[in-house]
Structure formats: C-alpha cells, structure tokens
C-alpha cells in the first residue's frame, strides 16, 4: 500500500536542487569581488602616493624655510656696507659682526653657506639690493645698499614653492 504524500515534505529532487550555488553564481560573485578589489587597490594606491608626495613637499618646504631663516639672520649681521660684495646677483659675500667671512651661493640645486650645503632642491637664487627709498642699487655700489632682498624657489617632486625675504642689516 502506498502512502499518501504529505504536502509539507519536499521531495529529494527539490532538496538537491537548493543544496548549493551554481557555477554561474560563483563566477558572478568572483567577478564582482575582483572588480571591488581592483577599485579598492587603486584608491589605496592613490592614498599612499598622495601621502608620499605631501611628505616630500613638506620636507622641502621645511628645509627651505630653515635656510631662508638662517640666511636672513646672517644678512642682518653684516658688519658694514663696505664689507658686502654684491656681484654677481646670484651670490653674496660679506663679513659679519664677528669678522667672519660668509658666502651664500648656489651650486647645482644646493644652497651653500661657505662650503656647507644649507638646502637642496633650490633654483633661481637671486639677491636684490635696494636703497633706503626702495630703488635698486647698481651692482657696483655697495655703499648705497640699505635693504637686501633674497628670493629662491624650492622644488620637490612636482611642487614648487617660492620664498622671499627682505632684510635691513643692523649696521647700515
């Protein structure tokens, strides 16, 4: 005698059909995970690249600010305008109040104080000498110098920062 089938029970065929994932479903999931991983890795790579770039620019900016601070401090200590050599416009030589000779110049991309590198990544070092009325002094007359303006660019990676300072030496 056959038993009557109870409607609440599933057949063995139906149980096997819903037991796992099909191959198509697995492939779709793998493709979607691959796409999400590729997008995530690009975002992570851009974040790391941005961090390295900002760290490099910050290092160059810090180094240039220290260099211009040192340079302006030394320029304030020029002994007298007669101790100032203003030729060429990309270097300056002077005697400070202690009688020491100081020379600032550029060598390649390094800002040099005497023979020691002060900063690197420097370009466009320029000294401008001004009279007390703000007009530029001819490059042969150091006795008329009242202000000294120094400017340069510092380049790190693809970022360039321009720095400029004007100094009135104490003994002028």
C-alpha atoms as a PDB file:
ATOM      1  CA  UNK A   1       0.000   0.000   0.000  1.00  0.00           C
ATOM      2  CA  UNK A   2       1.264   3.350  -0.905  1.00  0.00           C
ATOM      3  CA  UNK A   3       1.411   6.146   1.446  1.00  0.00           C
ATOM      4  CA  UNK A   4      -0.127   9.407   0.707  1.00  0.00           C
ATOM      5  CA  UNK A   5       2.299  12.202   0.276  1.00  0.00           C
ATOM      6  CA  UNK A   6       2.301  14.894   2.912  1.00  0.00           C
ATOM      7  CA  UNK A   7       2.323  18.303   1.219  1.00  0.00           C
ATOM      8  CA  UNK A   8       4.716  19.852   3.752  1.00  0.00           C
ATOM      9  CA  UNK A   9       7.588  17.491   2.909  1.00  0.00           C
ATOM     10  CA  UNK A  10       9.865  18.279  -0.009  1.00  0.00           C
ATOM     11  CA  UNK A  11      10.912  15.670  -2.469  1.00  0.00           C
ATOM     12  CA  UNK A  12      14.540  14.530  -2.567  1.00  0.00           C
ATOM     13  CA  UNK A  13      14.840  16.127  -6.008  1.00  0.00           C
ATOM     14  CA  UNK A  14      13.895  19.554  -4.662  1.00  0.00           C
ATOM     15  CA  UNK A  15      16.306  19.196  -1.704  1.00  0.00           C
ATOM     16  CA  UNK A  16      19.256  18.556  -4.045  1.00  0.00           C
ATOM     17  CA  UNK A  17      18.353  21.475  -6.291  1.00  0.00           C
ATOM     18  CA  UNK A  18      18.616  24.046  -3.492  1.00  0.00           C
ATOM     19  CA  UNK A  19      21.588  22.492  -1.670  1.00  0.00           C
ATOM     20  CA  UNK A  20      24.391  24.842  -3.041  1.00  0.00           C
ATOM     21  CA  UNK A  21      25.404  27.531  -5.529  1.00  0.00           C
ATOM     22  CA  UNK A  22      25.542  27.067  -9.237  1.00  0.00           C
ATOM     23  CA  UNK A  23      28.706  27.618 -11.271  1.00  0.00           C
ATOM     24  CA  UNK A  24      27.254  30.758 -12.855  1.00  0.00           C
ATOM     25  CA  UNK A  25      26.513  32.265  -9.448  1.00  0.00           C
ATOM     26  CA  UNK A  26      30.051  31.523  -8.260  1.00  0.00           C
ATOM     27  CA  UNK A  27      31.600  33.129 -11.365  1.00  0.00           C
ATOM     28  CA  UNK A  28      29.448  36.259 -10.978  1.00  0.00           C
ATOM     29  CA  UNK A  29      30.492  36.601  -7.325  1.00  0.00           C
ATOM     30  CA  UNK A  30      34.175  36.127  -8.190  1.00  0.00           C
ATOM     31  CA  UNK A  31      33.972  38.763 -10.947  1.00  0.00           C
ATOM     32  CA  UNK A  32      32.227  41.253  -8.637  1.00  0.00           C
ATOM     33  CA  UNK A  33      34.793  40.683  -5.868  1.00  0.00           C
ATOM     34  CA  UNK A  34      37.588  41.175  -8.421  1.00  0.00           C
ATOM     35  CA  UNK A  35      36.101  44.484  -9.582  1.00  0.00           C
ATOM     36  CA  UNK A  36      35.717  45.724  -5.997  1.00  0.00           C
ATOM     37  CA  UNK A  37      39.287  44.650  -5.155  1.00  0.00           C
ATOM     38  CA  UNK A  38      40.661  46.492  -8.205  1.00  0.00           C
ATOM     39  CA  UNK A  39      38.823  49.701  -7.273  1.00  0.00           C
ATOM     40  CA  UNK A  40      39.913  49.387  -3.639  1.00  0.00           C
ATOM     41  CA  UNK A  41      43.554  48.808  -4.553  1.00  0.00           C
ATOM     42  CA  UNK A  42      43.530  51.870  -6.836  1.00  0.00           C
ATOM     43  CA  UNK A  43      42.109  54.003  -4.052  1.00  0.00           C
ATOM     44  CA  UNK A  44      44.681  52.673  -1.587  1.00  0.00           C
ATOM     45  CA  UNK A  45      47.497  53.252  -4.084  1.00  0.00           C
ATOM     46  CA  UNK A  46      46.386  56.842  -4.689  1.00  0.00           C
ATOM     47  CA  UNK A  47      46.223  57.443  -0.940  1.00  0.00           C
ATOM     48  CA  UNK A  48      49.767  56.145  -0.411  1.00  0.00           C
ATOM     49  CA  UNK A  49      51.030  58.167  -3.383  1.00  0.00           C
ATOM     50  CA  UNK A  50      49.382  61.310  -2.003  1.00  0.00           C
ATOM     51  CA  UNK A  51      50.959  60.715   1.398  1.00  0.00           C
ATOM     52  CA  UNK A  52      54.445  60.266  -0.075  1.00  0.00           C
ATOM     53  CA  UNK A  53      54.018  63.398  -2.229  1.00  0.00           C
ATOM     54  CA  UNK A  54      52.866  65.556   0.686  1.00  0.00           C
ATOM     55  CA  UNK A  55      55.691  64.226   2.877  1.00  0.00           C
ATOM     56  CA  UNK A  56      58.240  65.125   0.181  1.00  0.00           C
ATOM     57  CA  UNK A  57      56.791  68.609  -0.318  1.00  0.00           C
ATOM     58  CA  UNK A  58      56.684  69.211   3.443  1.00  0.00           C
ATOM     59  CA  UNK A  59      60.328  68.174   3.772  1.00  0.00           C
ATOM     60  CA  UNK A  60      61.356  70.583   1.003  1.00  0.00           C
ATOM     61  CA  UNK A  61      59.285  73.405   2.452  1.00  0.00           C
ATOM     62  CA  UNK A  62      60.699  72.891   5.931  1.00  0.00           C
ATOM     63  CA  UNK A  63      64.262  72.762   4.637  1.00  0.00           C
ATOM     64  CA  UNK A  64      63.793  75.929   2.559  1.00  0.00           C
ATOM     65  CA  UNK A  65      62.235  77.827   5.466  1.00  0.00           C
ATOM     66  CA  UNK A  66      65.137  76.906   7.729  1.00  0.00           C
ATOM     67  CA  UNK A  67      67.568  78.004   5.001  1.00  0.00           C
ATOM     68  CA  UNK A  68      65.915  81.387   4.450  1.00  0.00           C
ATOM     69  CA  UNK A  69      65.715  81.961   8.208  1.00  0.00           C
ATOM     70  CA  UNK A  70      69.442  81.270   8.554  1.00  0.00           C
ATOM     71  CA  UNK A  71      70.279  83.416   5.537  1.00  0.00           C
ATOM     72  CA  UNK A  72      68.259  86.412   6.766  1.00  0.00           C
ATOM     73  CA  UNK A  73      69.740  86.096  10.256  1.00  0.00           C
ATOM     74  CA  UNK A  74      73.233  86.200   8.763  1.00  0.00           C
ATOM     75  CA  UNK A  75      72.375  89.124   6.489  1.00  0.00           C
ATOM     76  CA  UNK A  76      71.216  91.157   9.496  1.00  0.00           C
ATOM     77  CA  UNK A  77      74.710  90.721  10.933  1.00  0.00           C
ATOM     78  CA  UNK A  78      76.660  92.296   8.023  1.00  0.00           C
ATOM     79  CA  UNK A  79      79.389  94.433   9.578  1.00  0.00           C
ATOM     80  CA  UNK A  80      79.177  97.367   7.147  1.00  0.00           C
ATOM     81  CA  UNK A  81      78.056  98.026   3.602  1.00  0.00           C
ATOM     82  CA  UNK A  82      81.707  98.249   2.572  1.00  0.00           C
ATOM     83  CA  UNK A  83      82.123  94.587   3.648  1.00  0.00           C
ATOM     84  CA  UNK A  84      79.408  93.496   1.227  1.00  0.00           C
ATOM     85  CA  UNK A  85      80.252  92.054  -2.194  1.00  0.00           C
ATOM     86  CA  UNK A  86      77.187  92.306  -4.406  1.00  0.00           C
ATOM     87  CA  UNK A  87      78.477  90.870  -7.681  1.00  0.00           C
ATOM     88  CA  UNK A  88      77.058  88.522  -9.075  1.00  0.00           C
ATOM     89  CA  UNK A  89      73.338  88.751  -8.301  1.00  0.00           C
ATOM     90  CA  UNK A  90      73.167  85.017  -7.503  1.00  0.00           C
ATOM     91  CA  UNK A  91      75.666  85.131  -4.622  1.00  0.00           C
ATOM     92  CA  UNK A  92      76.580  87.346  -1.699  1.00  0.00           C
ATOM     93  CA  UNK A  93      79.783  87.615   0.318  1.00  0.00           C
ATOM     94  CA  UNK A  94      80.197  89.700   3.454  1.00  0.00           C
ATOM     95  CA  UNK A  95      81.917  89.978   6.809  1.00  0.00           C
ATOM     96  CA  UNK A  96      79.669  89.650   9.821  1.00  0.00           C
ATOM     97  CA  UNK A  97      79.961  91.483  13.120  1.00  0.00           C
ATOM     98  CA  UNK A  98      82.369  88.832  14.441  1.00  0.00           C
ATOM     99  CA  UNK A  99      84.698  89.388  11.471  1.00  0.00           C
ATOM    100  CA  UNK A 100      83.922  86.022   9.875  1.00  0.00           C
ATOM    101  CA  UNK A 101      83.552  85.895   6.103  1.00  0.00           C
ATOM    102  CA  UNK A 102      80.243  84.431   4.961  1.00  0.00           C
ATOM    103  CA  UNK A 103      79.398  83.444   1.400  1.00  0.00           C
ATOM    104  CA  UNK A 104      75.987  82.323   0.152  1.00  0.00           C
ATOM    105  CA  UNK A 105      75.766  80.883  -3.339  1.00  0.00           C
ATOM    106  CA  UNK A 106      74.081  78.155  -5.314  1.00  0.00           C
ATOM    107  CA  UNK A 107      75.884  75.045  -6.513  1.00  0.00           C
ATOM    108  CA  UNK A 108      73.704  72.938  -8.786  1.00  0.00           C
ATOM    109  CA  UNK A 109      70.491  72.693  -6.789  1.00  0.00           C
ATOM    110  CA  UNK A 110      72.074  73.236  -3.379  1.00  0.00           C
ATOM    111  CA  UNK A 111      72.113  76.489  -1.442  1.00  0.00           C
ATOM    112  CA  UNK A 112      75.599  76.734   0.008  1.00  0.00           C
ATOM    113  CA  UNK A 113      76.754  78.660   3.079  1.00  0.00           C
ATOM    114  CA  UNK A 114      80.508  78.950   2.646  1.00  0.00           C
ATOM    115  CA  UNK A 115      81.250  75.343   1.612  1.00  0.00           C
ATOM    116  CA  UNK A 116      78.414  73.650   3.517  1.00  0.00           C
ATOM    117  CA  UNK A 117      75.087  72.764   1.858  1.00  0.00           C
ATOM    118  CA  UNK A 118      72.204  74.508   3.583  1.00  0.00           C
ATOM    119  CA  UNK A 119      69.283  73.251   1.460  1.00  0.00           C
ATOM    120  CA  UNK A 120      68.753  71.260  -1.705  1.00  0.00           C
ATOM    121  CA  UNK A 121      66.197  71.451  -4.486  1.00  0.00           C
ATOM    122  CA  UNK A 122      66.888  75.195  -4.769  1.00  0.00           C
ATOM    123  CA  UNK A 123      66.696  77.132  -8.020  1.00  0.00           C
ATOM    124  CA  UNK A 124      66.529  80.757  -9.026  1.00  0.00           C
ATOM    125  CA  UNK A 125      68.573  82.167  -6.147  1.00  0.00           C
ATOM    126  CA  UNK A 126      68.646  85.942  -6.519  1.00  0.00           C
ATOM    127  CA  UNK A 127      69.808  88.814  -4.355  1.00  0.00           C
ATOM    128  CA  UNK A 128      68.426  92.298  -4.935  1.00  0.00           C
ATOM    129  CA  UNK A 129      69.998  95.312  -3.272  1.00  0.00           C
ATOM    130  CA  UNK A 130      67.839  98.338  -2.516  1.00  0.00           C
ATOM    131  CA  UNK A 131      68.445 101.904  -1.400  1.00  0.00           C
ATOM    132  CA  UNK A 132      66.585 103.409   1.518  1.00  0.00           C
ATOM    133  CA  UNK A 133      63.974 104.799  -0.912  1.00  0.00           C
ATOM    134  CA  UNK A 134      63.297 101.302  -2.327  1.00  0.00           C
ATOM    135  CA  UNK A 135      65.056 101.761  -5.671  1.00  0.00           C
ATOM    136  CA  UNK A 136      67.516  99.159  -6.879  1.00  0.00           C
ATOM    137  CA  UNK A 137      71.222  99.773  -6.296  1.00  0.00           C
ATOM    138  CA  UNK A 138      73.620  99.431  -9.214  1.00  0.00           C
ATOM    139  CA  UNK A 139      75.674  96.261  -8.824  1.00  0.00           C
ATOM    140  CA  UNK A 140      78.947  98.137  -8.309  1.00  0.00           C
ATOM    141  CA  UNK A 141      77.940 100.468  -5.478  1.00  0.00           C
ATOM    142  CA  UNK A 142      77.660  98.588  -2.189  1.00  0.00           C
ATOM    143  CA  UNK A 143      77.819 101.754  -0.083  1.00  0.00           C
ATOM    144  CA  UNK A 144      74.252 102.684  -1.119  1.00  0.00           C
ATOM    145  CA  UNK A 145      72.709  99.367  -0.007  1.00  0.00           C
ATOM    146  CA  UNK A 146      70.048  99.759   2.689  1.00  0.00           C
ATOM    147  CA  UNK A 147      67.934  96.612   2.171  1.00  0.00           C
ATOM    148  CA  UNK A 148      68.834  93.179   0.840  1.00  0.00           C
ATOM    149  CA  UNK A 149      66.148  91.012  -0.723  1.00  0.00           C
ATOM    150  CA  UNK A 150      66.757  87.311  -1.236  1.00  0.00           C
ATOM    151  CA  UNK A 151      64.459  85.047  -3.222  1.00  0.00           C
ATOM    152  CA  UNK A 152      64.610  81.471  -4.431  1.00  0.00           C
ATOM    153  CA  UNK A 153      62.394  78.570  -5.467  1.00  0.00           C
ATOM    154  CA  UNK A 154      62.425  75.172  -3.838  1.00  0.00           C
ATOM    155  CA  UNK A 155      61.230  72.228  -5.911  1.00  0.00           C
ATOM    156  CA  UNK A 156      60.197  68.841  -4.571  1.00  0.00           C
ATOM    157  CA  UNK A 157      58.525  66.243  -6.775  1.00  0.00           C
ATOM    158  CA  UNK A 158      56.282  68.390  -8.957  1.00  0.00           C
ATOM    159  CA  UNK A 159      55.593  71.137  -6.407  1.00  0.00           C
ATOM    160  CA  UNK A 160      57.495  74.423  -6.432  1.00  0.00           C
ATOM    161  CA  UNK A 161      57.403  76.955  -3.620  1.00  0.00           C
ATOM    162  CA  UNK A 162      58.821  80.463  -3.890  1.00  0.00           C
ATOM    163  CA  UNK A 163      60.341  82.105  -0.839  1.00  0.00           C
ATOM    164  CA  UNK A 164      61.361  85.737  -0.498  1.00  0.00           C
ATOM    165  CA  UNK A 165      62.602  87.888   2.355  1.00  0.00           C
ATOM    166  CA  UNK A 166      63.825  91.449   2.681  1.00  0.00           C
ATOM    167  CA  UNK A 167      66.377  92.318   5.349  1.00  0.00           C
ATOM    168  CA  UNK A 168      67.735  95.580   6.715  1.00  0.00           C
ATOM    169  CA  UNK A 169      71.199  94.825   8.173  1.00  0.00           C
ATOM    170  CA  UNK A 170      71.617  96.234  11.690  1.00  0.00           C
ATOM    171  CA  UNK A 171      74.791  98.180  10.980  1.00  0.00           C
ATOM    172  CA  UNK A 172      73.677 100.075   7.854  1.00  0.00           C
END
